[in-house]
Structures are given as structure tokens and as C-alpha cells.
Amino acid sequence: MAKKKVTISNPSGLHARPAALLVKEAGKFKSTVKLVKNEKEVDAKSLLGVMSLAAKQNDEIIVRAEGEDAEEAVSHLTTFIEQLKA
């Protein structure tokens, strides 16, 4: 298992469009990918799940993955989240 904490830098947070982009990126990996915010854990490959986190700018979330490409998934997705633009 791999995990890493990341801070949402997008001024709009993870609203519909960035959430959809994140779900698309997460879907590229074979590993199970989860996002955790304040003890709430959701499937990073589920748009409704990601949006239900209601993550806003400066919120910290944990990206966690388990599977054959877990390290790559966590590394890629944390960088992706850090670079999300409104």
C-alpha cells in the first residue's frame, strides 16, 4: 500500500470538472485508489464519491492506493491534484 497527503491548491476545490478529471486519471491505474478527508474515505474512481468529499482549497486529503501500480498511482495523482486549475 502507498499513501501520501496532498493539499488542494485549486481555488474552486474539487468541484465537478476537476473531480471528473481526477476520476479519469485514477481510472488509468489497476490499483484500488481511495481519497481520505477527515476520516471519510471514498473511491477515487467514483465521481460521486470524489464530489462527496466537498474538498475546498487548502483542504488536505490523503491519496491511498493498493495494488500492483500503487506507488505510481499515488505519485501521479498527488502531482495531478497539486496542479489542478479552476
C-alpha atoms as a PDB file:
ATOM      1  CA  MET A   1       0.000   0.000   0.000  1.00  0.00           C
ATOM      2  CA  ALA A   2       1.129   3.533  -0.783  1.00  0.00           C
ATOM      3  CA  LYS A   3      -0.240   6.799   0.537  1.00  0.00           C
ATOM      4  CA  LYS A   4       0.572  10.478   0.515  1.00  0.00           C
ATOM      5  CA  LYS A   5      -1.015  13.655   1.852  1.00  0.00           C
ATOM      6  CA  VAL A   6      -1.765  16.447  -0.606  1.00  0.00           C
ATOM      7  CA  THR A   7      -3.229  19.938  -0.249  1.00  0.00           C
ATOM      8  CA  ILE A   8      -5.918  21.117  -2.660  1.00  0.00           C
ATOM      9  CA  SER A   9      -4.495  24.177  -4.416  1.00  0.00           C
ATOM     10  CA  ASN A  10      -7.314  24.749  -6.912  1.00  0.00           C
ATOM     11  CA  PRO A  11      -9.206  27.903  -5.799  1.00  0.00           C
ATOM     12  CA  SER A  12     -12.500  26.172  -6.633  1.00  0.00           C
ATOM     13  CA  GLY A  13     -11.630  22.945  -4.806  1.00  0.00           C
ATOM     14  CA  LEU A  14     -12.718  19.600  -6.246  1.00  0.00           C
ATOM     15  CA  HIS A  15     -15.969  20.709  -7.872  1.00  0.00           C
ATOM     16  CA  ALA A  16     -17.490  18.832 -10.839  1.00  0.00           C
ATOM     17  CA  ARG A  17     -14.921  19.472 -13.578  1.00  0.00           C
ATOM     18  CA  PRO A  18     -11.717  18.887 -11.595  1.00  0.00           C
ATOM     19  CA  ALA A  19     -13.348  15.930  -9.843  1.00  0.00           C
ATOM     20  CA  ALA A  20     -14.203  14.391 -13.227  1.00  0.00           C
ATOM     21  CA  LEU A  21     -10.623  14.895 -14.411  1.00  0.00           C
ATOM     22  CA  LEU A  22      -9.292  13.280 -11.239  1.00  0.00           C
ATOM     23  CA  VAL A  23     -11.630  10.279 -11.619  1.00  0.00           C
ATOM     24  CA  LYS A  24     -10.459   9.865 -15.223  1.00  0.00           C
ATOM     25  CA  GLU A  25      -6.809   9.902 -14.105  1.00  0.00           C
ATOM     26  CA  ALA A  26      -7.480   7.438 -11.265  1.00  0.00           C
ATOM     27  CA  GLY A  27      -9.159   5.095 -13.754  1.00  0.00           C
ATOM     28  CA  LYS A  28      -5.864   4.687 -15.600  1.00  0.00           C
ATOM     29  CA  PHE A  29      -4.470   2.583 -12.750  1.00  0.00           C
ATOM     30  CA  LYS A  30      -5.157  -1.044 -11.879  1.00  0.00           C
ATOM     31  CA  SER A  31      -4.777  -0.413  -8.155  1.00  0.00           C
ATOM     32  CA  THR A  32      -7.647   0.384  -5.835  1.00  0.00           C
ATOM     33  CA  VAL A  33      -7.361   4.119  -5.208  1.00  0.00           C
ATOM     34  CA  LYS A  34      -9.002   5.894  -2.277  1.00  0.00           C
ATOM     35  CA  LEU A  35      -9.168   9.514  -1.166  1.00  0.00           C
ATOM     36  CA  VAL A  36      -9.475  10.298   2.541  1.00  0.00           C
ATOM     37  CA  LYS A  37     -10.560  13.611   4.065  1.00  0.00           C
ATOM     38  CA  ASN A  38     -11.385  13.975   7.762  1.00  0.00           C
ATOM     39  CA  GLU A  39     -11.862  10.219   8.244  1.00  0.00           C
ATOM     40  CA  LYS A  40     -14.205   9.990   5.215  1.00  0.00           C
ATOM     41  CA  GLU A  41     -12.861   7.563   2.619  1.00  0.00           C
ATOM     42  CA  VAL A  42     -14.124   7.409  -0.974  1.00  0.00           C
ATOM     43  CA  ASP A  43     -13.262   5.562  -4.169  1.00  0.00           C
ATOM     44  CA  ALA A  44     -11.145   7.885  -6.332  1.00  0.00           C
ATOM     45  CA  LYS A  45     -12.655   6.235  -9.422  1.00  0.00           C
ATOM     46  CA  SER A  46     -16.179   7.351  -8.442  1.00  0.00           C
ATOM     47  CA  LEU A  47     -17.265  10.857  -9.442  1.00  0.00           C
ATOM     48  CA  LEU A  48     -19.997  10.978  -6.808  1.00  0.00           C
ATOM     49  CA  GLY A  49     -17.561   9.733  -4.195  1.00  0.00           C
ATOM     50  CA  VAL A  50     -14.935  12.352  -5.013  1.00  0.00           C
ATOM     51  CA  MET A  51     -17.517  15.145  -5.106  1.00  0.00           C
ATOM     52  CA  SER A  52     -18.987  13.987  -1.783  1.00  0.00           C
ATOM     53  CA  LEU A  53     -15.704  14.927  -0.091  1.00  0.00           C
ATOM     54  CA  ALA A  54     -16.570  18.587  -0.786  1.00  0.00           C
ATOM     55  CA  ALA A  55     -12.834  19.335  -0.788  1.00  0.00           C
ATOM     56  CA  LYS A  56     -12.066  23.039  -0.882  1.00  0.00           C
ATOM     57  CA  GLN A  57      -8.873  24.999  -1.478  1.00  0.00           C
ATOM     58  CA  ASN A  58      -6.268  24.345   1.245  1.00  0.00           C
ATOM     59  CA  ASP A  59      -8.029  21.162   2.444  1.00  0.00           C
ATOM     60  CA  GLU A  60      -5.679  18.235   2.989  1.00  0.00           C
ATOM     61  CA  ILE A  61      -6.584  14.841   1.601  1.00  0.00           C
ATOM     62  CA  ILE A  62      -4.748  11.543   1.618  1.00  0.00           C
ATOM     63  CA  VAL A  63      -4.364   9.615  -1.620  1.00  0.00           C
ATOM     64  CA  ARG A  64      -4.079   5.907  -0.842  1.00  0.00           C
ATOM     65  CA  ALA A  65      -3.631   3.041  -3.292  1.00  0.00           C
ATOM     66  CA  GLU A  66      -3.287  -0.694  -3.017  1.00  0.00           C
ATOM     67  CA  GLY A  67      -2.266  -2.972  -5.870  1.00  0.00           C
ATOM     68  CA  GLU A  68       0.423  -3.615  -8.423  1.00  0.00           C
ATOM     69  CA  ASP A  69       0.845   0.016  -9.501  1.00  0.00           C
ATOM     70  CA  ALA A  70       0.045   1.659  -6.149  1.00  0.00           C
ATOM     71  CA  GLU A  71       3.251   3.705  -5.856  1.00  0.00           C
ATOM     72  CA  GLU A  72       2.877   5.052  -9.384  1.00  0.00           C
ATOM     73  CA  ALA A  73      -0.815   5.833  -8.825  1.00  0.00           C
ATOM     74  CA  VAL A  74      -0.190   7.789  -5.626  1.00  0.00           C
ATOM     75  CA  SER A  75       2.727   9.705  -7.118  1.00  0.00           C
ATOM     76  CA  HIS A  76       0.842  10.589 -10.292  1.00  0.00           C
ATOM     77  CA  LEU A  77      -2.441  11.511  -8.598  1.00  0.00           C
ATOM     78  CA  THR A  78      -0.886  13.689  -5.892  1.00  0.00           C
ATOM     79  CA  THR A  79       1.009  15.640  -8.556  1.00  0.00           C
ATOM     80  CA  PHE A  80      -2.180  15.848 -10.633  1.00  0.00           C
ATOM     81  CA  ILE A  81      -4.171  17.222  -7.679  1.00  0.00           C
ATOM     82  CA  GLU A  82      -1.464  19.789  -6.876  1.00  0.00           C
ATOM     83  CA  GLN A  83      -1.550  21.054 -10.461  1.00  0.00           C
ATOM     84  CA  LEU A  84      -5.348  21.215 -10.893  1.00  0.00           C
ATOM     85  CA  LYS A  85      -6.570  24.591 -12.104  1.00  0.00           C
ATOM     86  CA  ALA A  86     -10.059  26.078 -11.879  1.00  0.00           C
END
